[in-house]
Amino acid sequence: MKVVKTDKEYYKEPIFPFKETCEKCGSVIEIESYDDLHVGALGCYYYDCPVCDKENMTDHVDGITLTIDNLEFPVHFYDFKNGKEVSNDEIKKYIKKGVLKLRENKVEDDCGMFYTATGDTFVLVKRYPGDEEYYVMVAKSYYDTHIPFQQEDYNPCGGPYDD
């Protein structure tokens, strides 16, 4: 397949073959065509190392732009299940830090929310207007991704909507 015309000014046609180095075992891999690649987390292209089976991202080929219409779970998400395990004491410290931050910041300029993520753990502390409690969520082995704004996600003033 050959690109004849595209509206994307930044598009560059990939030059096959190209070489990649596996970040786990250091093997040099020659990528011959799109058949050697697959779309994964964040819409980026990845290849699996044939020596150690490590999934590696490549920047030689532009990925896809994720939208609410083409997003697939868990395909386009980064999986943190193999992240460093976070201890219960560390989690407790993050929760305390979140509650204290929300106590001192009574203005809702951060939407009444604190979150942090490290290793295999995601911690969220939320204060809802009118409630008299903090909502706390701890997620182990979580997934995340990013979906870029589309035109309808901006308001006439130029910023995102505050829904």
N, C-alpha and C. Protein backbone atom coordinates (compact mmCIF):
# COMPACT_ATOMS: atom_id res chain seq x y z
N MET A 1 0.85 -1.18 0.00
CA MET A 1 0.00 0.00 0.00
C MET A 1 0.89 1.23 0.00
N LYS A 2 0.45 2.28 -0.68
CA LYS A 2 1.22 3.51 -0.78
C LYS A 2 0.28 4.68 -0.55
N VAL A 3 0.71 5.65 0.26
CA VAL A 3 -0.08 6.84 0.51
C VAL A 3 0.06 7.76 -0.69
N VAL A 4 -1.08 8.11 -1.30
CA VAL A 4 -1.07 8.99 -2.46
C VAL A 4 -1.27 10.43 -2.02
N LYS A 5 -2.18 10.65 -1.05
CA LYS A 5 -2.44 11.99 -0.54
C LYS A 5 -2.92 11.86 0.90
N THR A 6 -2.54 12.82 1.73
CA THR A 6 -3.03 12.86 3.10
C THR A 6 -3.20 14.30 3.51
N ASP A 7 -4.14 14.54 4.42
CA ASP A 7 -4.38 15.90 4.91
C ASP A 7 -3.43 16.25 6.05
N LYS A 8 -2.78 15.26 6.60
CA LYS A 8 -1.88 15.50 7.72
C LYS A 8 -0.54 16.00 7.20
N GLU A 9 -0.21 17.25 7.52
CA GLU A 9 1.04 17.83 7.04
C GLU A 9 2.25 17.13 7.63
N TYR A 10 2.11 16.62 8.85
CA TYR A 10 3.24 16.02 9.55
C TYR A 10 3.47 14.57 9.18
N TYR A 11 2.59 13.99 8.37
CA TYR A 11 2.70 12.58 8.04
C TYR A 11 3.97 12.30 7.25
N LYS A 12 4.67 11.26 7.67
CA LYS A 12 5.82 10.81 6.89
C LYS A 12 5.63 9.32 6.65
N GLU A 13 5.82 8.92 5.42
CA GLU A 13 5.65 7.52 5.07
C GLU A 13 6.81 6.74 5.68
N PRO A 14 6.52 5.66 6.39
CA PRO A 14 7.60 4.89 7.01
C PRO A 14 8.50 4.25 5.95
N ILE A 15 9.75 4.15 6.29
CA ILE A 15 10.71 3.54 5.38
C ILE A 15 11.01 2.15 5.93
N PHE A 16 10.50 1.14 5.25
CA PHE A 16 10.78 -0.24 5.62
C PHE A 16 11.91 -0.76 4.74
N PRO A 17 12.76 -1.60 5.21
CA PRO A 17 12.84 -2.04 6.60
C PRO A 17 13.59 -1.02 7.45
N PHE A 18 13.36 -1.10 8.77
CA PHE A 18 14.13 -0.30 9.71
C PHE A 18 14.50 -1.18 10.89
N LYS A 19 15.50 -0.74 11.64
CA LYS A 19 16.01 -1.55 12.75
C LYS A 19 15.59 -0.96 14.08
N GLU A 20 15.30 -1.83 15.02
CA GLU A 20 14.96 -1.47 16.40
C GLU A 20 15.81 -2.33 17.33
N THR A 21 16.07 -1.82 18.53
CA THR A 21 16.80 -2.58 19.54
C THR A 21 15.85 -2.87 20.70
N CYS A 22 15.71 -4.13 21.05
CA CYS A 22 14.83 -4.54 22.15
C CYS A 22 15.34 -3.93 23.45
N GLU A 23 14.44 -3.28 24.19
CA GLU A 23 14.86 -2.62 25.43
C GLU A 23 15.11 -3.61 26.55
N LYS A 24 14.69 -4.86 26.41
CA LYS A 24 14.93 -5.86 27.46
C LYS A 24 16.21 -6.66 27.22
N CYS A 25 16.33 -7.26 26.03
CA CYS A 25 17.47 -8.16 25.80
C CYS A 25 18.54 -7.56 24.90
N GLY A 26 18.29 -6.41 24.29
CA GLY A 26 19.29 -5.75 23.46
C GLY A 26 19.42 -6.29 22.05
N SER A 27 18.57 -7.24 21.67
CA SER A 27 18.63 -7.78 20.31
C SER A 27 18.26 -6.71 19.30
N VAL A 28 18.94 -6.70 18.17
CA VAL A 28 18.62 -5.79 17.07
C VAL A 28 17.65 -6.52 16.15
N ILE A 29 16.49 -5.90 15.95
CA ILE A 29 15.41 -6.51 15.18
C ILE A 29 15.19 -5.69 13.92
N GLU A 30 15.00 -6.34 12.78
CA GLU A 30 14.67 -5.63 11.56
C GLU A 30 13.16 -5.74 11.33
N ILE A 31 12.50 -4.60 11.28
CA ILE A 31 11.07 -4.54 11.04
C ILE A 31 10.89 -4.37 9.54
N GLU A 32 10.22 -5.33 8.89
CA GLU A 32 10.14 -5.34 7.43
C GLU A 32 8.88 -4.70 6.87
N SER A 33 7.76 -4.74 7.65
CA SER A 33 6.50 -4.17 7.15
C SER A 33 5.54 -3.99 8.32
N TYR A 34 4.38 -3.42 8.02
CA TYR A 34 3.35 -3.28 9.04
C TYR A 34 2.93 -4.61 9.63
N ASP A 35 3.14 -5.71 8.90
CA ASP A 35 2.78 -7.03 9.41
C ASP A 35 3.58 -7.40 10.66
N ASP A 36 4.73 -6.75 10.86
CA ASP A 36 5.57 -7.01 12.03
C ASP A 36 5.14 -6.18 13.24
N LEU A 37 4.17 -5.30 13.05
CA LEU A 37 3.76 -4.35 14.09
C LEU A 37 2.31 -4.57 14.50
N HIS A 38 1.97 -4.03 15.65
CA HIS A 38 0.57 -3.99 16.08
C HIS A 38 0.35 -2.70 16.87
N VAL A 39 -0.88 -2.21 16.84
CA VAL A 39 -1.23 -1.00 17.59
C VAL A 39 -1.52 -1.41 19.02
N GLY A 40 -0.97 -0.65 19.97
CA GLY A 40 -1.15 -0.97 21.38
C GLY A 40 -1.46 0.26 22.19
N ALA A 41 -0.88 0.33 23.39
CA ALA A 41 -1.15 1.41 24.34
C ALA A 41 -0.94 2.77 23.70
N LEU A 42 -1.84 3.69 24.01
CA LEU A 42 -1.81 5.07 23.55
C LEU A 42 -1.93 5.21 22.03
N GLY A 43 -2.29 4.11 21.33
CA GLY A 43 -2.43 4.15 19.88
C GLY A 43 -1.10 4.06 19.15
N CYS A 44 -0.02 3.76 19.87
CA CYS A 44 1.31 3.66 19.28
C CYS A 44 1.52 2.29 18.65
N TYR A 45 2.48 2.20 17.74
CA TYR A 45 2.84 0.92 17.14
C TYR A 45 3.90 0.23 18.00
N TYR A 46 3.76 -1.10 18.11
CA TYR A 46 4.65 -1.94 18.91
C TYR A 46 5.08 -3.15 18.09
N TYR A 47 6.20 -3.74 18.48
CA TYR A 47 6.62 -5.03 17.93
C TYR A 47 6.99 -5.91 19.11
N ASP A 48 6.84 -7.21 18.94
CA ASP A 48 7.23 -8.18 19.96
C ASP A 48 8.60 -8.73 19.58
N CYS A 49 9.53 -8.66 20.51
CA CYS A 49 10.87 -9.18 20.27
C CYS A 49 10.78 -10.70 20.08
N PRO A 50 11.31 -11.23 18.97
CA PRO A 50 11.25 -12.67 18.75
C PRO A 50 12.22 -13.46 19.65
N VAL A 51 13.13 -12.77 20.32
CA VAL A 51 14.10 -13.44 21.19
C VAL A 51 13.54 -13.60 22.61
N CYS A 52 13.05 -12.49 23.21
CA CYS A 52 12.60 -12.55 24.61
C CYS A 52 11.09 -12.29 24.77
N ASP A 53 10.40 -11.99 23.69
CA ASP A 53 8.96 -11.76 23.66
C ASP A 53 8.53 -10.46 24.33
N LYS A 54 9.46 -9.55 24.60
CA LYS A 54 9.14 -8.25 25.18
C LYS A 54 8.45 -7.39 24.14
N GLU A 55 7.34 -6.75 24.54
CA GLU A 55 6.66 -5.80 23.66
C GLU A 55 7.41 -4.47 23.72
N ASN A 56 7.81 -3.94 22.56
CA ASN A 56 8.56 -2.70 22.46
C ASN A 56 7.80 -1.71 21.59
N MET A 57 7.82 -0.45 21.96
CA MET A 57 7.20 0.59 21.15
C MET A 57 8.21 1.10 20.13
N THR A 58 7.73 1.45 18.94
CA THR A 58 8.59 2.05 17.93
C THR A 58 8.11 3.46 17.62
N ASP A 59 9.06 4.35 17.34
CA ASP A 59 8.68 5.71 16.94
C ASP A 59 8.98 5.93 15.46
N HIS A 60 9.33 4.87 14.74
CA HIS A 60 9.58 4.97 13.30
C HIS A 60 8.28 5.12 12.51
N VAL A 61 7.17 4.72 13.09
CA VAL A 61 5.88 4.73 12.41
C VAL A 61 4.89 5.49 13.28
N ASP A 62 4.16 6.45 12.69
CA ASP A 62 3.15 7.18 13.44
C ASP A 62 2.04 6.23 13.86
N GLY A 63 1.58 6.37 15.10
CA GLY A 63 0.48 5.57 15.60
C GLY A 63 -0.85 6.15 15.15
N ILE A 64 -1.93 5.65 15.74
CA ILE A 64 -3.26 6.17 15.43
C ILE A 64 -3.65 7.19 16.48
N THR A 65 -4.51 8.13 16.11
CA THR A 65 -5.05 9.08 17.07
C THR A 65 -6.27 8.43 17.72
N LEU A 66 -6.22 8.26 19.03
CA LEU A 66 -7.33 7.62 19.72
C LEU A 66 -8.51 8.57 19.83
N THR A 67 -9.70 8.03 19.63
CA THR A 67 -10.96 8.77 19.81
C THR A 67 -11.92 7.88 20.58
N ILE A 68 -13.03 8.43 20.98
CA ILE A 68 -14.02 7.61 21.69
C ILE A 68 -14.63 6.56 20.76
N ASP A 69 -14.50 6.75 19.46
CA ASP A 69 -15.07 5.80 18.51
C ASP A 69 -14.13 4.63 18.18
N ASN A 70 -12.80 4.83 18.27
CA ASN A 70 -11.89 3.73 17.92
C ASN A 70 -11.17 3.13 19.14
N LEU A 71 -11.42 3.66 20.32
CA LEU A 71 -10.76 3.19 21.54
C LEU A 71 -11.18 1.76 21.87
N GLU A 72 -10.19 0.90 22.14
CA GLU A 72 -10.46 -0.48 22.53
C GLU A 72 -9.76 -0.79 23.85
N PHE A 73 -10.52 -1.38 24.78
CA PHE A 73 -9.94 -1.82 26.05
C PHE A 73 -9.72 -3.31 25.97
N PRO A 74 -8.60 -3.81 26.39
CA PRO A 74 -7.42 -3.17 26.95
C PRO A 74 -6.35 -2.84 25.90
N VAL A 75 -6.64 -3.03 24.62
CA VAL A 75 -5.64 -2.88 23.55
C VAL A 75 -4.91 -1.55 23.60
N HIS A 76 -5.62 -0.44 23.75
CA HIS A 76 -5.00 0.88 23.68
C HIS A 76 -4.61 1.45 25.04
N PHE A 77 -4.61 0.61 26.06
CA PHE A 77 -4.30 1.03 27.42
C PHE A 77 -2.96 0.47 27.86
N TYR A 78 -2.25 1.25 28.68
CA TYR A 78 -1.03 0.76 29.28
C TYR A 78 -1.41 0.01 30.55
N ASP A 79 -0.85 -1.17 30.73
CA ASP A 79 -1.18 -2.04 31.85
C ASP A 79 -0.08 -1.94 32.91
N PHE A 80 -0.45 -1.57 34.13
CA PHE A 80 0.52 -1.38 35.21
C PHE A 80 0.63 -2.60 36.13
N LYS A 81 0.12 -3.76 35.72
CA LYS A 81 0.16 -4.94 36.59
C LYS A 81 1.57 -5.38 36.94
N ASN A 82 2.53 -5.07 36.08
CA ASN A 82 3.92 -5.46 36.35
C ASN A 82 4.73 -4.34 36.98
N GLY A 83 4.05 -3.28 37.41
CA GLY A 83 4.73 -2.18 38.08
C GLY A 83 5.22 -2.60 39.45
N LYS A 84 6.11 -1.80 40.02
CA LYS A 84 6.64 -2.09 41.36
C LYS A 84 5.50 -2.10 42.35
N GLU A 85 5.47 -3.11 43.20
CA GLU A 85 4.41 -3.22 44.20
C GLU A 85 4.55 -2.11 45.23
N VAL A 86 3.44 -1.46 45.53
CA VAL A 86 3.42 -0.38 46.51
C VAL A 86 2.87 -0.94 47.82
N SER A 87 3.56 -0.66 48.92
CA SER A 87 3.18 -1.23 50.22
C SER A 87 1.92 -0.55 50.78
N ASN A 88 1.27 -1.21 51.70
CA ASN A 88 0.08 -0.65 52.36
C ASN A 88 0.42 0.63 53.11
N ASP A 89 1.63 0.69 53.72
CA ASP A 89 2.04 1.91 54.42
C ASP A 89 2.19 3.08 53.45
N GLU A 90 2.76 2.83 52.27
CA GLU A 90 2.89 3.89 51.27
C GLU A 90 1.51 4.36 50.81
N ILE A 91 0.60 3.42 50.59
CA ILE A 91 -0.76 3.77 50.16
C ILE A 91 -1.43 4.65 51.21
N LYS A 92 -1.27 4.29 52.48
CA LYS A 92 -1.85 5.08 53.57
C LYS A 92 -1.30 6.51 53.55
N LYS A 93 0.01 6.65 53.27
CA LYS A 93 0.62 7.99 53.19
C LYS A 93 0.02 8.80 52.05
N TYR A 94 -0.22 8.17 50.90
CA TYR A 94 -0.82 8.88 49.76
C TYR A 94 -2.25 9.33 50.08
N ILE A 95 -3.01 8.47 50.75
CA ILE A 95 -4.38 8.84 51.13
C ILE A 95 -4.35 10.03 52.08
N LYS A 96 -3.49 9.97 53.09
CA LYS A 96 -3.37 11.08 54.04
C LYS A 96 -2.96 12.37 53.32
N LYS A 97 -2.00 12.27 52.41
CA LYS A 97 -1.55 13.43 51.65
C LYS A 97 -2.72 14.03 50.86
N GLY A 98 -3.54 13.18 50.25
CA GLY A 98 -4.69 13.64 49.48
C GLY A 98 -5.71 14.36 50.33
N VAL A 99 -6.07 13.78 51.47
CA VAL A 99 -7.05 14.40 52.36
C VAL A 99 -6.53 15.74 52.87
N LEU A 100 -5.27 15.80 53.29
CA LEU A 100 -4.70 17.05 53.80
C LEU A 100 -4.65 18.12 52.71
N LYS A 101 -4.32 17.73 51.49
CA LYS A 101 -4.31 18.70 50.38
C LYS A 101 -5.71 19.25 50.14
N LEU A 102 -6.72 18.41 50.16
CA LEU A 102 -8.09 18.88 49.93
C LEU A 102 -8.61 19.70 51.11
N ARG A 103 -8.17 19.41 52.33
CA ARG A 103 -8.55 20.22 53.50
C ARG A 103 -8.02 21.64 53.38
N GLU A 104 -6.77 21.77 52.94
CA GLU A 104 -6.18 23.11 52.87
C GLU A 104 -6.61 23.87 51.61
N ASN A 105 -7.10 23.18 50.61
CA ASN A 105 -7.54 23.81 49.36
C ASN A 105 -9.06 23.71 49.27
N LYS A 106 -9.76 24.61 49.91
CA LYS A 106 -11.23 24.59 49.93
C LYS A 106 -11.83 25.04 48.60
N VAL A 107 -11.04 25.77 47.79
CA VAL A 107 -11.51 26.22 46.49
C VAL A 107 -11.49 25.03 45.53
N GLU A 108 -12.47 24.94 44.66
CA GLU A 108 -12.59 23.78 43.78
C GLU A 108 -11.80 23.94 42.48
N ASP A 109 -10.66 24.68 42.51
CA ASP A 109 -9.90 24.85 41.28
C ASP A 109 -9.21 23.57 40.84
N ASP A 110 -9.12 22.57 41.69
CA ASP A 110 -8.60 21.27 41.26
C ASP A 110 -9.72 20.24 41.23
N CYS A 111 -10.97 20.73 41.16
CA CYS A 111 -12.17 19.88 41.09
C CYS A 111 -12.35 19.05 42.36
N GLY A 112 -11.75 19.48 43.46
CA GLY A 112 -11.90 18.73 44.70
C GLY A 112 -11.34 17.33 44.61
N MET A 113 -10.22 17.18 43.89
CA MET A 113 -9.69 15.84 43.65
C MET A 113 -8.17 15.84 43.77
N PHE A 114 -7.67 14.77 44.34
CA PHE A 114 -6.23 14.50 44.41
C PHE A 114 -6.04 13.07 43.91
N TYR A 115 -5.05 12.88 43.05
CA TYR A 115 -4.71 11.51 42.68
C TYR A 115 -3.22 11.40 42.44
N THR A 116 -2.73 10.20 42.60
CA THR A 116 -1.34 9.90 42.32
C THR A 116 -1.26 8.46 41.84
N ALA A 117 -0.24 8.17 41.08
CA ALA A 117 -0.03 6.82 40.59
C ALA A 117 1.45 6.54 40.61
N THR A 118 1.79 5.37 41.12
CA THR A 118 3.17 4.93 41.14
C THR A 118 3.18 3.41 41.14
N GLY A 119 4.17 2.82 40.48
CA GLY A 119 4.26 1.36 40.45
C GLY A 119 2.99 0.73 39.92
N ASP A 120 2.44 -0.21 40.70
CA ASP A 120 1.22 -0.91 40.29
C ASP A 120 -0.03 -0.32 40.94
N THR A 121 0.06 0.90 41.51
CA THR A 121 -1.02 1.43 42.33
C THR A 121 -1.45 2.83 41.92
N PHE A 122 -2.76 3.04 41.91
CA PHE A 122 -3.37 4.34 41.64
C PHE A 122 -4.22 4.70 42.86
N VAL A 123 -4.04 5.91 43.39
CA VAL A 123 -4.80 6.37 44.56
C VAL A 123 -5.54 7.65 44.19
N LEU A 124 -6.84 7.68 44.48
CA LEU A 124 -7.68 8.85 44.23
C LEU A 124 -8.41 9.23 45.51
N VAL A 125 -8.37 10.52 45.84
CA VAL A 125 -9.15 11.06 46.97
C VAL A 125 -9.99 12.18 46.39
N LYS A 126 -11.32 12.11 46.59
CA LYS A 126 -12.25 13.07 45.98
C LYS A 126 -13.16 13.63 47.06
N ARG A 127 -13.39 14.94 46.97
CA ARG A 127 -14.36 15.62 47.85
C ARG A 127 -15.47 16.13 46.95
N TYR A 128 -16.70 15.66 47.19
CA TYR A 128 -17.85 16.13 46.41
C TYR A 128 -18.49 17.30 47.14
N PRO A 129 -18.85 18.36 46.40
CA PRO A 129 -19.52 19.51 47.04
C PRO A 129 -20.79 19.05 47.77
N GLY A 130 -20.94 19.49 49.01
CA GLY A 130 -22.13 19.15 49.79
C GLY A 130 -22.01 17.88 50.61
N ASP A 131 -21.10 17.00 50.24
CA ASP A 131 -20.90 15.77 51.03
C ASP A 131 -20.03 16.08 52.24
N GLU A 132 -20.12 15.24 53.23
CA GLU A 132 -19.30 15.40 54.42
C GLU A 132 -18.39 14.20 54.60
N GLU A 133 -17.79 13.79 53.49
CA GLU A 133 -16.86 12.66 53.52
C GLU A 133 -15.94 12.74 52.31
N TYR A 134 -14.84 12.00 52.35
CA TYR A 134 -13.92 11.89 51.23
C TYR A 134 -14.13 10.54 50.57
N TYR A 135 -14.19 10.52 49.27
CA TYR A 135 -14.24 9.28 48.52
C TYR A 135 -12.80 8.88 48.23
N VAL A 136 -12.41 7.66 48.59
CA VAL A 136 -11.04 7.17 48.39
C VAL A 136 -11.10 5.91 47.54
N MET A 137 -10.31 5.88 46.50
CA MET A 137 -10.22 4.69 45.66
C MET A 137 -8.74 4.32 45.53
N VAL A 138 -8.45 3.04 45.75
CA VAL A 138 -7.11 2.51 45.53
C VAL A 138 -7.25 1.40 44.50
N ALA A 139 -6.50 1.51 43.42
CA ALA A 139 -6.55 0.51 42.37
C ALA A 139 -5.17 -0.10 42.18
N LYS A 140 -5.11 -1.41 42.24
CA LYS A 140 -3.87 -2.15 41.98
C LYS A 140 -3.96 -2.72 40.57
N SER A 141 -2.82 -2.82 39.88
CA SER A 141 -2.78 -3.40 38.53
C SER A 141 -3.78 -2.72 37.62
N TYR A 142 -3.72 -1.40 37.56
CA TYR A 142 -4.69 -0.61 36.80
C TYR A 142 -4.23 -0.40 35.36
N TYR A 143 -5.13 0.11 34.54
CA TYR A 143 -4.84 0.46 33.15
C TYR A 143 -5.08 1.95 32.98
N ASP A 144 -4.35 2.59 32.04
CA ASP A 144 -4.69 3.96 31.67
C ASP A 144 -4.30 4.24 30.23
N THR A 145 -4.89 5.30 29.68
CA THR A 145 -4.57 5.76 28.33
C THR A 145 -4.90 7.23 28.24
N HIS A 146 -4.67 7.84 27.10
CA HIS A 146 -4.99 9.25 26.87
C HIS A 146 -5.76 9.35 25.56
N ILE A 147 -6.83 10.13 25.57
CA ILE A 147 -7.60 10.40 24.35
C ILE A 147 -7.49 11.90 24.09
N PRO A 148 -6.87 12.30 22.98
CA PRO A 148 -6.74 13.73 22.69
C PRO A 148 -8.11 14.39 22.51
N PHE A 149 -8.19 15.67 22.87
CA PHE A 149 -9.41 16.43 22.63
C PHE A 149 -9.70 16.48 21.14
N GLN A 150 -10.98 16.46 20.81
CA GLN A 150 -11.44 16.73 19.46
C GLN A 150 -12.11 18.11 19.48
N GLN A 151 -12.47 18.63 18.35
CA GLN A 151 -13.01 19.99 18.27
C GLN A 151 -14.17 20.21 19.24
N GLU A 152 -15.06 19.24 19.35
CA GLU A 152 -16.23 19.41 20.21
C GLU A 152 -15.90 19.41 21.71
N ASP A 153 -14.66 19.13 22.07
CA ASP A 153 -14.25 19.14 23.47
C ASP A 153 -13.82 20.52 23.95
N TYR A 154 -13.75 21.49 23.06
CA TYR A 154 -13.35 22.85 23.40
C TYR A 154 -14.58 23.75 23.45
N ASN A 155 -14.55 24.73 24.36
CA ASN A 155 -15.66 25.69 24.41
C ASN A 155 -15.28 26.94 23.61
N PRO A 156 -16.24 27.83 23.37
CA PRO A 156 -15.96 29.01 22.56
C PRO A 156 -14.86 29.92 23.14
N CYS A 157 -14.59 29.80 24.43
CA CYS A 157 -13.55 30.62 25.06
C CYS A 157 -12.16 30.02 24.85
N GLY A 158 -12.09 28.83 24.27
CA GLY A 158 -10.80 28.25 23.95
C GLY A 158 -10.33 27.15 24.87
N GLY A 159 -10.93 27.01 26.04
CA GLY A 159 -10.51 25.96 26.98
C GLY A 159 -11.46 24.80 26.97
N PRO A 160 -11.12 23.75 27.71
CA PRO A 160 -12.03 22.61 27.78
C PRO A 160 -13.27 22.96 28.58
N TYR A 161 -14.36 22.23 28.31
CA TYR A 161 -15.57 22.42 29.09
C TYR A 161 -15.37 21.92 30.51
N ASP A 162 -16.05 22.51 31.46
CA ASP A 162 -15.96 22.11 32.87
C ASP A 162 -17.19 21.32 33.26
N ASP A 163 -17.41 20.16 32.66
CA ASP A 163 -18.60 19.35 32.99
C ASP A 163 -18.46 18.69 34.32
